[in-house]
C-alpha atoms as a PDB file:
ATOM      1  CA  UNK A   1      10.307 108.056-163.013  1.00  0.00           C
ATOM      2  CA  UNK A   2       7.790 111.018-163.409  1.00  0.00           C
ATOM      3  CA  UNK A   3       6.083 111.281-166.597  1.00  0.00           C
ATOM      4  CA  UNK A   4       3.738 114.088-167.183  1.00  0.00           C
ATOM      5  CA  UNK A   5       1.423 112.857-170.127  1.00  0.00           C
ATOM      6  CA  UNK A   6       0.381 116.081-171.645  1.00  0.00           C
ATOM      7  CA  UNK A   7       2.285 119.407-171.330  1.00  0.00           C
ATOM      8  CA  UNK A   8      -0.913 121.119-170.885  1.00  0.00           C
ATOM      9  CA  UNK A   9      -2.685 119.351-168.633  1.00  0.00           C
ATOM     10  CA  UNK A  10      -1.402 119.675-164.795  1.00  0.00           C
ATOM     11  CA  UNK A  11      -2.459 116.063-163.728  1.00  0.00           C
ATOM     12  CA  UNK A  12      -0.442 113.252-162.668  1.00  0.00           C
ATOM     13  CA  UNK A  13      -0.857 110.111-162.255  1.00  0.00           C
ATOM     14  CA  UNK A  14      -1.400 108.138-159.052  1.00  0.00           C
ATOM     15  CA  UNK A  15       1.799 106.154-159.588  1.00  0.00           C
ATOM     16  CA  UNK A  16       4.000 109.705-160.268  1.00  0.00           C
ATOM     17  CA  UNK A  17       2.315 111.362-157.315  1.00  0.00           C
ATOM     18  CA  UNK A  18       3.233 107.780-154.685  1.00  0.00           C
ATOM     19  CA  UNK A  19       7.031 108.401-156.505  1.00  0.00           C
ATOM     20  CA  UNK A  20       6.828 111.535-155.294  1.00  0.00           C
ATOM     21  CA  UNK A  21       5.637 111.081-151.538  1.00  0.00           C
ATOM     22  CA  UNK A  22       8.015 108.218-151.392  1.00  0.00           C
ATOM     23  CA  UNK A  23      11.202 110.637-152.204  1.00  0.00           C
ATOM     24  CA  UNK A  24       9.658 113.181-149.797  1.00  0.00           C
ATOM     25  CA  UNK A  25       9.494 110.576-147.188  1.00  0.00           C
ATOM     26  CA  UNK A  26      13.001 109.664-148.016  1.00  0.00           C
ATOM     27  CA  UNK A  27      14.357 113.159-147.732  1.00  0.00           C
ATOM     28  CA  UNK A  28      12.152 113.983-144.361  1.00  0.00           C
ATOM     29  CA  UNK A  29      14.197 110.418-143.073  1.00  0.00           C
ATOM     30  CA  UNK A  30      17.432 111.868-144.447  1.00  0.00           C
ATOM     31  CA  UNK A  31      16.960 115.213-142.788  1.00  0.00           C
ATOM     32  CA  UNK A  32      16.282 113.715-139.453  1.00  0.00           C
ATOM     33  CA  UNK A  33      19.206 111.292-139.313  1.00  0.00           C
ATOM     34  CA  UNK A  34      21.087 114.547-140.388  1.00  0.00           C
ATOM     35  CA  UNK A  35      20.180 116.505-137.554  1.00  0.00           C
ATOM     36  CA  UNK A  36      20.572 114.111-135.316  1.00  0.00           C
ATOM     37  CA  UNK A  37      24.142 113.650-136.394  1.00  0.00           C
ATOM     38  CA  UNK A  38      24.581 117.511-136.170  1.00  0.00           C
ATOM     39  CA  UNK A  39      23.338 117.204-132.502  1.00  0.00           C
ATOM     40  CA  UNK A  40      25.511 114.548-131.518  1.00  0.00           C
ATOM     41  CA  UNK A  41      28.723 116.719-133.406  1.00  0.00           C
ATOM     42  CA  UNK A  42      27.220 119.518-131.120  1.00  0.00           C
ATOM     43  CA  UNK A  43      27.338 117.750-127.937  1.00  0.00           C
ATOM     44  CA  UNK A  44      30.922 116.313-128.648  1.00  0.00           C
ATOM     45  CA  UNK A  45      32.059 119.810-129.233  1.00  0.00           C
ATOM     46  CA  UNK A  46      30.949 121.009-126.233  1.00  0.00           C
ATOM     47  CA  UNK A  47      32.117 118.636-124.017  1.00  0.00           C
ATOM     48  CA  UNK A  48      35.971 119.633-126.137  1.00  0.00           C
ATOM     49  CA  UNK A  49      35.247 122.846-125.571  1.00  0.00           C
ATOM     50  CA  UNK A  50      34.519 122.765-121.883  1.00  0.00           C
ATOM     51  CA  UNK A  51      37.696 120.240-121.384  1.00  0.00           C
ATOM     52  CA  UNK A  52      40.082 122.768-123.121  1.00  0.00           C
ATOM     53  CA  UNK A  53      38.847 125.769-122.010  1.00  0.00           C
ATOM     54  CA  UNK A  54      36.865 125.241-118.388  1.00  0.00           C
ATOM     55  CA  UNK A  55      33.294 126.243-117.156  1.00  0.00           C
ATOM     56  CA  UNK A  56      33.694 128.790-114.562  1.00  0.00           C
ATOM     57  CA  UNK A  57      30.336 128.179-113.717  1.00  0.00           C
ATOM     58  CA  UNK A  58      30.218 124.240-113.012  1.00  0.00           C
ATOM     59  CA  UNK A  59      34.012 125.230-111.067  1.00  0.00           C
ATOM     60  CA  UNK A  60      35.453 122.783-113.643  1.00  0.00           C
ATOM     61  CA  UNK A  61      39.233 124.588-115.081  1.00  0.00           C
ATOM     62  CA  UNK A  62      40.395 123.328-118.279  1.00  0.00           C
ATOM     63  CA  UNK A  63      43.425 122.259-119.991  1.00  0.00           C
ATOM     64  CA  UNK A  64      44.702 125.701-120.760  1.00  0.00           C
ATOM     65  CA  UNK A  65      44.262 126.960-116.898  1.00  0.00           C
ATOM     66  CA  UNK A  66      46.214 123.722-115.901  1.00  0.00           C
ATOM     67  CA  UNK A  67      49.189 123.986-118.366  1.00  0.00           C
ATOM     68  CA  UNK A  68      49.349 127.590-117.273  1.00  0.00           C
ATOM     69  CA  UNK A  69      49.637 126.600-113.099  1.00  0.00           C
ATOM     70  CA  UNK A  70      52.338 123.418-114.254  1.00  0.00           C
ATOM     71  CA  UNK A  71      54.364 126.380-116.137  1.00  0.00           C
ATOM     72  CA  UNK A  72      54.475 128.845-113.534  1.00  0.00           C
ATOM     73  CA  UNK A  73      55.153 125.834-110.941  1.00  0.00           C
ATOM     74  CA  UNK A  74      58.048 124.033-113.352  1.00  0.00           C
ATOM     75  CA  UNK A  75      59.527 128.007-112.993  1.00  0.00           C
ATOM     76  CA  UNK A  76      59.125 128.528-109.125  1.00  0.00           C
ATOM     77  CA  UNK A  77      60.871 124.778-109.181  1.00  0.00           C
ATOM     78  CA  UNK A  78      63.597 125.907-111.631  1.00  0.00           C
ATOM     79  CA  UNK A  79      64.145 129.039-109.287  1.00  0.00           C
ATOM     80  CA  UNK A  80      63.995 126.832-106.070  1.00  0.00           C
ATOM     81  CA  UNK A  81      66.237 124.338-107.260  1.00  0.00           C
ATOM     82  CA  UNK A  82      68.802 126.892-108.493  1.00  0.00           C
ATOM     83  CA  UNK A  83      68.965 128.517-105.102  1.00  0.00           C
ATOM     84  CA  UNK A  84      69.746 125.380-103.271  1.00  0.00           C
ATOM     85  CA  UNK A  85      72.607 124.354-105.821  1.00  0.00           C
ATOM     86  CA  UNK A  86      73.804 128.279-105.696  1.00  0.00           C
ATOM     87  CA  UNK A  87      73.577 127.715-101.940  1.00  0.00           C
ATOM     88  CA  UNK A  88      75.586 124.487-102.014  1.00  0.00           C
ATOM     89  CA  UNK A  89      78.000 126.023-103.481  1.00  0.00           C
ATOM     90  CA  UNK A  90      79.096 129.555-101.079  1.00  0.00           C
ATOM     91  CA  UNK A  91      78.562 127.037 -98.094  1.00  0.00           C
ATOM     92  CA  UNK A  92      81.147 124.300 -99.823  1.00  0.00           C
ATOM     93  CA  UNK A  93      83.271 127.554-100.778  1.00  0.00           C
ATOM     94  CA  UNK A  94      82.727 129.215 -97.501  1.00  0.00           C
ATOM     95  CA  UNK A  95      83.420 125.769 -95.452  1.00  0.00           C
ATOM     96  CA  UNK A  96      86.883 125.199 -97.575  1.00  0.00           C
ATOM     97  CA  UNK A  97      88.094 128.572 -96.899  1.00  0.00           C
ATOM     98  CA  UNK A  98      87.076 127.847 -93.445  1.00  0.00           C
ATOM     99  CA  UNK A  99      89.139 124.868 -93.218  1.00  0.00           C
ATOM    100  CA  UNK A 100      92.216 126.342 -94.840  1.00  0.00           C
ATOM    101  CA  UNK A 101      91.919 129.424 -92.208  1.00  0.00           C
ATOM    102  CA  UNK A 102      92.099 126.983 -89.391  1.00  0.00           C
ATOM    103  CA  UNK A 103      94.911 125.051 -90.999  1.00  0.00           C
ATOM    104  CA  UNK A 104      97.155 127.782 -90.727  1.00  0.00           C
END
């Protein structure tokens, strides 16, 4: 605890000065620890950003771009499958008509 013995006097005891010095050292250590933690958080956020968005400079394709490509592929695949099913349906109808015409 800091005690100032005389309000008019600006002198402090040696124990008060050492206590203040001790507190400053503790604060400095806590600040260093917090700075290290903030650097770790910054590194992690940068990695997350690179994973999600990608990095053109290093040729890393992000998740957003991969999802866009996958959606485009799925839409094209649906169209191709619908075309195949429709074509099979048309061929089936034409084949049925052809067989009926041959029998009569």
